[in-house]
PDB file of N, CA and C in Angstrom:
ATOM      1  N   MET A   1      -1.995  -2.749 -11.075  1.00  0.00           N
ATOM      2  CA  MET A   1      -2.143  -2.912  -9.641  1.00  0.00           C
ATOM      3  C   MET A   1      -3.346  -2.086  -9.190  1.00  0.00           C
ATOM      4  N   ALA A   2      -4.227  -2.706  -8.453  1.00  0.00           N
ATOM      5  CA  ALA A   2      -5.381  -2.012  -7.897  1.00  0.00           C
ATOM      6  C   ALA A   2      -5.010  -1.466  -6.526  1.00  0.00           C
ATOM      7  N   ILE A   3      -5.289  -0.200  -6.301  1.00  0.00           N
ATOM      8  CA  ILE A   3      -4.867   0.431  -5.048  1.00  0.00           C
ATOM      9  C   ILE A   3      -5.557  -0.185  -3.839  1.00  0.00           C
ATOM     10  N   ASP A   4      -6.796  -0.629  -3.991  1.00  0.00           N
ATOM     11  CA  ASP A   4      -7.481  -1.246  -2.857  1.00  0.00           C
ATOM     12  C   ASP A   4      -6.781  -2.545  -2.435  1.00  0.00           C
ATOM     13  N   LYS A   5      -6.309  -3.315  -3.407  1.00  0.00           N
ATOM     14  CA  LYS A   5      -5.579  -4.545  -3.090  1.00  0.00           C
ATOM     15  C   LYS A   5      -4.220  -4.222  -2.474  1.00  0.00           C
ATOM     16  N   TYR A   6      -3.577  -3.195  -2.989  1.00  0.00           N
ATOM     17  CA  TYR A   6      -2.292  -2.754  -2.443  1.00  0.00           C
ATOM     18  C   TYR A   6      -2.455  -2.347  -0.978  1.00  0.00           C
ATOM     19  N   LEU A   7      -3.473  -1.572  -0.670  1.00  0.00           N
ATOM     20  CA  LEU A   7      -3.731  -1.145   0.709  1.00  0.00           C
ATOM     21  C   LEU A   7      -4.073  -2.336   1.599  1.00  0.00           C
ATOM     22  N   ALA A   8      -4.823  -3.289   1.058  1.00  0.00           N
ATOM     23  CA  ALA A   8      -5.202  -4.472   1.837  1.00  0.00           C
ATOM     24  C   ALA A   8      -3.975  -5.311   2.213  1.00  0.00           C
ATOM     25  N   ARG A   9      -2.921  -5.233   1.395  1.00  0.00           N
ATOM     26  CA  ARG A   9      -1.679  -5.963   1.693  1.00  0.00           C
ATOM     27  C   ARG A   9      -0.768  -5.176   2.621  1.00  0.00           C
ATOM     28  N   GLY A  10      -1.222  -4.034   3.098  1.00  0.00           N
ATOM     29  CA  GLY A  10      -0.420  -3.239   4.025  1.00  0.00           C
ATOM     30  C   GLY A  10       0.325  -2.090   3.388  1.00  0.00           C
ATOM     31  N   GLY A  11       0.068  -1.835   2.121  1.00  0.00           N
ATOM     32  CA  GLY A  11       0.722  -0.713   1.441  1.00  0.00           C
ATOM     33  C   GLY A  11       0.216   0.616   1.969  1.00  0.00           C
ATOM     34  N   ILE A  12       0.992   1.640   1.721  1.00  0.00           N
ATOM     35  CA  ILE A  12       0.631   2.989   2.140  1.00  0.00           C
ATOM     36  C   ILE A  12       0.449   3.842   0.899  1.00  0.00           C
ATOM     37  N   ALA A  13      -0.667   4.541   0.831  1.00  0.00           N
ATOM     38  CA  ALA A  13      -0.942   5.447  -0.284  1.00  0.00           C
ATOM     39  C   ALA A  13      -1.264   6.824   0.283  1.00  0.00           C
ATOM     40  N   LEU A  14      -0.602   7.828  -0.264  1.00  0.00           N
ATOM     41  CA  LEU A  14      -0.783   9.195   0.185  1.00  0.00           C
ATOM     42  C   LEU A  14      -1.458  10.007  -0.907  1.00  0.00           C
ATOM     43  N   ALA A  15      -2.236  11.006  -0.504  1.00  0.00           N
ATOM     44  CA  ALA A  15      -2.905  11.883  -1.456  1.00  0.00           C
ATOM     45  C   ALA A  15      -2.492  13.326  -1.191  1.00  0.00           C
ATOM     46  N   CYS A  16      -2.416  14.107  -2.233  1.00  0.00           N
ATOM     47  CA  CYS A  16      -2.014  15.504  -2.169  1.00  0.00           C
ATOM     48  C   CYS A  16      -3.228  16.384  -1.852  1.00  0.00           C
ATOM     49  N   ASN A  17      -3.140  17.143  -0.755  1.00  0.00           N
ATOM     50  CA  ASN A  17      -4.232  18.041  -0.377  1.00  0.00           C
ATOM     51  C   ASN A  17      -4.417  19.152  -1.411  1.00  0.00           C
ATOM     52  N   LEU A  18      -3.334  19.602  -2.043  1.00  0.00           N
ATOM     53  CA  LEU A  18      -3.473  20.650  -3.059  1.00  0.00           C
ATOM     54  C   LEU A  18      -4.292  20.148  -4.245  1.00  0.00           C
ATOM     55  N   ALA A  19      -4.064  18.906  -4.643  1.00  0.00           N
ATOM     56  CA  ALA A  19      -4.861  18.311  -5.726  1.00  0.00           C
ATOM     57  C   ALA A  19      -6.311  18.123  -5.280  1.00  0.00           C
ATOM     58  N   LEU A  20      -6.495  17.756  -4.021  1.00  0.00           N
ATOM     59  CA  LEU A  20      -7.852  17.604  -3.487  1.00  0.00           C
ATOM     60  C   LEU A  20      -8.593  18.940  -3.509  1.00  0.00           C
ATOM     61  N   GLU A  21      -7.877  20.023  -3.208  1.00  0.00           N
ATOM     62  CA  GLU A  21      -8.496  21.350  -3.253  1.00  0.00           C
ATOM     63  C   GLU A  21      -8.966  21.677  -4.667  1.00  0.00           C
ATOM     64  N   GLU A  22      -8.170  21.312  -5.664  1.00  0.00           N
ATOM     65  CA  GLU A  22      -8.571  21.526  -7.057  1.00  0.00           C
ATOM     66  C   GLU A  22      -9.833  20.718  -7.381  1.00  0.00           C
ATOM     67  N   MET A  23      -9.859  19.468  -6.908  1.00  0.00           N
ATOM     68  CA  MET A  23     -11.040  18.627  -7.118  1.00  0.00           C
ATOM     69  C   MET A  23     -12.256  19.243  -6.422  1.00  0.00           C
ATOM     70  N   SER A  24     -12.047  19.742  -5.226  1.00  0.00           N
ATOM     71  CA  SER A  24     -13.124  20.378  -4.469  1.00  0.00           C
ATOM     72  C   SER A  24     -13.688  21.577  -5.227  1.00  0.00           C
ATOM     73  N   GLU A  25     -12.819  22.370  -5.837  1.00  0.00           N
ATOM     74  CA  GLU A  25     -13.266  23.527  -6.628  1.00  0.00           C
ATOM     75  C   GLU A  25     -14.100  23.078  -7.823  1.00  0.00           C
ATOM     76  N   MET A  26     -13.692  21.984  -8.467  1.00  0.00           N
ATOM     77  CA  MET A  26     -14.448  21.469  -9.604  1.00  0.00           C
ATOM     78  C   MET A  26     -15.834  21.002  -9.162  1.00  0.00           C
ATOM     79  N   VAL A  27     -15.895  20.315  -8.019  1.00  0.00           N
ATOM     80  CA  VAL A  27     -17.178  19.858  -7.480  1.00  0.00           C
ATOM     81  C   VAL A  27     -18.039  21.068  -7.129  1.00  0.00           C
ATOM     82  N   LYS A  28     -17.441  22.058  -6.501  1.00  0.00           N
ATOM     83  CA  LYS A  28     -18.160  23.277  -6.088  1.00  0.00           C
ATOM     84  C   LYS A  28     -18.826  23.951  -7.284  1.00  0.00           C
ATOM     85  N   GLU A  29     -18.056  24.123  -8.368  1.00  0.00           N
ATOM     86  CA  GLU A  29     -18.593  24.784  -9.556  1.00  0.00           C
ATOM     87  C   GLU A  29     -19.667  23.950 -10.239  1.00  0.00           C
ATOM     88  N   LYS A  30     -19.421  22.659 -10.377  1.00  0.00           N
ATOM     89  CA  LYS A  30     -20.367  21.797 -11.085  1.00  0.00           C
ATOM     90  C   LYS A  30     -21.669  21.615 -10.319  1.00  0.00           C
ATOM     91  N   GLU A  31     -21.556  21.407  -9.014  1.00  0.00           N
ATOM     92  CA  GLU A  31     -22.732  21.093  -8.193  1.00  0.00           C
ATOM     93  C   GLU A  31     -23.328  22.322  -7.506  1.00  0.00           C
ATOM     94  N   LYS A  32     -22.673  23.473  -7.648  1.00  0.00           N
ATOM     95  CA  LYS A  32     -23.131  24.729  -7.017  1.00  0.00           C
ATOM     96  C   LYS A  32     -23.224  24.570  -5.499  1.00  0.00           C
ATOM     97  N   LEU A  33     -22.135  24.101  -4.899  1.00  0.00           N
ATOM     98  CA  LEU A  33     -22.090  23.850  -3.460  1.00  0.00           C
ATOM     99  C   LEU A  33     -21.224  24.880  -2.751  1.00  0.00           C
ATOM    100  N   SER A  34     -21.338  24.892  -1.438  1.00  0.00           N
ATOM    101  CA  SER A  34     -20.475  25.737  -0.626  1.00  0.00           C
ATOM    102  C   SER A  34     -19.071  25.137  -0.594  1.00  0.00           C
ATOM    103  N   ASP A  35     -18.099  25.934  -0.157  1.00  0.00           N
ATOM    104  CA  ASP A  35     -16.726  25.433  -0.010  1.00  0.00           C
ATOM    105  C   ASP A  35     -16.699  24.211   0.902  1.00  0.00           C
ATOM    106  N   GLU A  36     -17.382  24.318   2.029  1.00  0.00           N
ATOM    107  CA  GLU A  36     -17.366  23.235   3.025  1.00  0.00           C
ATOM    108  C   GLU A  36     -17.977  21.953   2.469  1.00  0.00           C
ATOM    109  N   GLU A  37     -19.113  22.080   1.810  1.00  0.00           N
ATOM    110  CA  GLU A  37     -19.785  20.890   1.285  1.00  0.00           C
ATOM    111  C   GLU A  37     -19.004  20.263   0.131  1.00  0.00           C
ATOM    112  N   SER A  38     -18.427  21.095  -0.720  1.00  0.00           N
ATOM    113  CA  SER A  38     -17.661  20.536  -1.838  1.00  0.00           C
ATOM    114  C   SER A  38     -16.408  19.824  -1.325  1.00  0.00           C
ATOM    115  N   ARG A  39     -15.768  20.336  -0.274  1.00  0.00           N
ATOM    116  CA  ARG A  39     -14.598  19.659   0.309  1.00  0.00           C
ATOM    117  C   ARG A  39     -15.015  18.329   0.924  1.00  0.00           C
ATOM    118  N   LYS A  40     -16.165  18.316   1.607  1.00  0.00           N
ATOM    119  CA  LYS A  40     -16.664  17.059   2.186  1.00  0.00           C
ATOM    120  C   LYS A  40     -16.872  16.012   1.104  1.00  0.00           C
ATOM    121  N   GLN A  41     -17.435  16.423  -0.014  1.00  0.00           N
ATOM    122  CA  GLN A  41     -17.681  15.471  -1.104  1.00  0.00           C
ATOM    123  C   GLN A  41     -16.368  14.982  -1.724  1.00  0.00           C
ATOM    124  N   ALA A  42     -15.405  15.886  -1.871  1.00  0.00           N
ATOM    125  CA  ALA A  42     -14.112  15.492  -2.437  1.00  0.00           C
ATOM    126  C   ALA A  42     -13.406  14.504  -1.506  1.00  0.00           C
ATOM    127  N   ILE A  43     -13.446  14.751  -0.206  1.00  0.00           N
ATOM    128  CA  ILE A  43     -12.826  13.837   0.757  1.00  0.00           C
ATOM    129  C   ILE A  43     -13.553  12.494   0.752  1.00  0.00           C
ATOM    130  N   ALA A  44     -14.868  12.522   0.639  1.00  0.00           N
ATOM    131  CA  ALA A  44     -15.646  11.281   0.609  1.00  0.00           C
ATOM    132  C   ALA A  44     -15.296  10.434  -0.617  1.00  0.00           C
ATOM    133  N   ALA A  45     -14.797  11.075  -1.677  1.00  0.00           N
ATOM    134  CA  ALA A  45     -14.442  10.347  -2.899  1.00  0.00           C
ATOM    135  C   ALA A  45     -13.075   9.668  -2.801  1.00  0.00           C
ATOM    136  N   LEU A  46     -12.302   9.992  -1.767  1.00  0.00           N
ATOM    137  CA  LEU A  46     -11.006   9.336  -1.595  1.00  0.00           C
ATOM    138  C   LEU A  46     -11.207   7.850  -1.311  1.00  0.00           C
ATOM    139  N   ILE A  47     -10.309   7.047  -1.806  1.00  0.00           N
ATOM    140  CA  ILE A  47     -10.347   5.612  -1.525  1.00  0.00           C
ATOM    141  C   ILE A  47     -10.065   5.419  -0.036  1.00  0.00           C
ATOM    142  N   PRO A  48     -10.888   4.633   0.659  1.00  0.00           N
ATOM    143  CA  PRO A  48     -10.645   4.399   2.085  1.00  0.00           C
ATOM    144  C   PRO A  48      -9.228   3.877   2.329  1.00  0.00           C
ATOM    145  N   GLY A  49      -8.554   4.473   3.291  1.00  0.00           N
ATOM    146  CA  GLY A  49      -7.202   4.076   3.631  1.00  0.00           C
ATOM    147  C   GLY A  49      -6.134   4.989   3.062  1.00  0.00           C
ATOM    148  N   VAL A  50      -6.492   5.816   2.074  1.00  0.00           N
ATOM    149  CA  VAL A  50      -5.537   6.779   1.525  1.00  0.00           C
ATOM    150  C   VAL A  50      -5.374   7.912   2.541  1.00  0.00           C
ATOM    151  N   ILE A  51      -4.128   8.289   2.787  1.00  0.00           N
ATOM    152  CA  ILE A  51      -3.818   9.282   3.815  1.00  0.00           C
ATOM    153  C   ILE A  51      -3.558  10.631   3.149  1.00  0.00           C
ATOM    154  N   LEU A  52      -4.342  11.630   3.506  1.00  0.00           N
ATOM    155  CA  LEU A  52      -4.215  12.966   2.941  1.00  0.00           C
ATOM    156  C   LEU A  52      -3.003  13.682   3.540  1.00  0.00           C
ATOM    157  N   GLN A  53      -2.176  14.276   2.670  1.00  0.00           N
ATOM    158  CA  GLN A  53      -0.967  15.000   3.067  1.00  0.00           C
ATOM    159  C   GLN A  53      -1.102  16.465   2.657  1.00  0.00           C
ATOM    160  N   PRO A  54      -0.329  17.370   3.269  1.00  0.00           N
ATOM    161  CA  PRO A  54      -0.425  18.782   2.887  1.00  0.00           C
ATOM    162  C   PRO A  54      -0.203  19.002   1.387  1.00  0.00           C
ATOM    163  N   SER A  55       0.774  18.294   0.824  1.00  0.00           N
ATOM    164  CA  SER A  55       1.024  18.361  -0.621  1.00  0.00           C
ATOM    165  C   SER A  55       1.776  17.103  -1.038  1.00  0.00           C
ATOM    166  N   GLY A  56       1.757  16.834  -2.329  1.00  0.00           N
ATOM    167  CA  GLY A  56       2.478  15.667  -2.830  1.00  0.00           C
ATOM    168  C   GLY A  56       3.982  15.811  -2.645  1.00  0.00           C
ATOM    169  N   VAL A  57       4.499  17.020  -2.827  1.00  0.00           N
ATOM    170  CA  VAL A  57       5.931  17.263  -2.640  1.00  0.00           C
ATOM    171  C   VAL A  57       6.306  17.027  -1.181  1.00  0.00           C
ATOM    172  N   PHE A  58       5.501  17.547  -0.264  1.00  0.00           N
ATOM    173  CA  PHE A  58       5.738  17.328   1.168  1.00  0.00           C
ATOM    174  C   PHE A  58       5.781  15.833   1.465  1.00  0.00           C
ATOM    175  N   ALA A  59       4.812  15.100   0.957  1.00  0.00           N
ATOM    176  CA  ALA A  59       4.726  13.659   1.218  1.00  0.00           C
ATOM    177  C   ALA A  59       5.954  12.929   0.678  1.00  0.00           C
ATOM    178  N   ALA A  60       6.383  13.286  -0.538  1.00  0.00           N
ATOM    179  CA  ALA A  60       7.552  12.622  -1.127  1.00  0.00           C
ATOM    180  C   ALA A  60       8.816  12.926  -0.321  1.00  0.00           C
ATOM    181  N   LEU A  61       8.984  14.164   0.099  1.00  0.00           N
ATOM    182  CA  LEU A  61      10.172  14.534   0.883  1.00  0.00           C
ATOM    183  C   LEU A  61      10.193  13.830   2.232  1.00  0.00           C
ATOM    184  N   ARG A  62       9.054  13.789   2.907  1.00  0.00           N
ATOM    185  CA  ARG A  62       8.985  13.127   4.209  1.00  0.00           C
ATOM    186  C   ARG A  62       9.221  11.623   4.066  1.00  0.00           C
ATOM    187  N   ALA A  63       8.692  11.041   3.015  1.00  0.00           N
ATOM    188  CA  ALA A  63       8.912   9.608   2.790  1.00  0.00           C
ATOM    189  C   ALA A  63      10.391   9.329   2.544  1.00  0.00           C
ATOM    190  N   GLN A  64      11.053  10.191   1.794  1.00  0.00           N
ATOM    191  CA  GLN A  64      12.481  10.013   1.551  1.00  0.00           C
ATOM    192  C   GLN A  64      13.271  10.154   2.850  1.00  0.00           C
ATOM    193  N   GLU A  65      12.873  11.084   3.697  1.00  0.00           N
ATOM    194  CA  GLU A  65      13.532  11.230   4.998  1.00  0.00           C
ATOM    195  C   GLU A  65      13.388   9.973   5.838  1.00  0.00           C
ATOM    196  N   ALA A  66      12.282   9.250   5.633  1.00  0.00           N
ATOM    197  CA  ALA A  66      12.029   8.021   6.380  1.00  0.00           C
ATOM    198  C   ALA A  66      12.698   6.797   5.750  1.00  0.00           C
ATOM    199  N   GLY A  67      13.436   7.022   4.641  1.00  0.00           N
ATOM    200  CA  GLY A  67      14.156   5.912   4.025  1.00  0.00           C
ATOM    201  C   GLY A  67      13.529   5.367   2.754  1.00  0.00           C
ATOM    202  N   CYS A  68      12.414   5.915   2.322  1.00  0.00           N
ATOM    203  CA  CYS A  68      11.792   5.460   1.077  1.00  0.00           C
ATOM    204  C   CYS A  68      12.544   6.067  -0.104  1.00  0.00           C
ATOM    205  N   MET A  69      12.367   5.442  -1.247  1.00  0.00           N
ATOM    206  CA  MET A  69      12.975   5.961  -2.471  1.00  0.00           C
ATOM    207  C   MET A  69      11.875   6.397  -3.423  1.00  0.00           C
ATOM    208  N   TYR A  70      12.122   7.491  -4.102  1.00  0.00           N
ATOM    209  CA  TYR A  70      11.172   8.008  -5.087  1.00  0.00           C
ATOM    210  C   TYR A  70      11.504   7.412  -6.444  1.00  0.00           C
ATOM    211  N   LEU A  71      10.521   6.841  -7.104  1.00  0.00           N
ATOM    212  CA  LEU A  71      10.698   6.258  -8.421  1.00  0.00           C
ATOM    213  C   LEU A  71       9.627   6.830  -9.325  1.00  0.00           C
ATOM    214  N   ARG A  72      10.054   7.578 -10.306  1.00  0.00           N
ATOM    215  CA  ARG A  72       9.091   8.155 -11.232  1.00  0.00           C
ATOM    216  C   ARG A  72       8.634   7.071 -12.193  1.00  0.00           C
ATOM    217  N   ALA A  73       7.344   6.863 -12.265  1.00  0.00           N
ATOM    218  CA  ALA A  73       6.806   5.769 -13.065  1.00  0.00           C
ATOM    219  C   ALA A  73       6.392   6.221 -14.463  1.00  0.00           C
ATOM    220  N   SER A  74       6.320   7.510 -14.693  1.00  0.00           N
ATOM    221  CA  SER A  74       5.913   7.981 -16.026  1.00  0.00           C
ATOM    222  C   SER A  74       6.721   9.175 -16.457  1.00  0.00           C
TER     223      SER A  74
END
């Protein structure tokens, strides 16, 4: 399943801000950028339509509160 097609059909995809911070640190070190610029680049790399959440655990808990079910795929 391609996430862009899933989003185009009305699906919702959430991203973990803690994981994004790790990605930002990797960009910062590799590209020798400031914190602000590396975060901008990491956010720009997100697939359009993906919604950034404080953390993946937060997102899963809130989704379950809204009636969604968590299914571990791996």
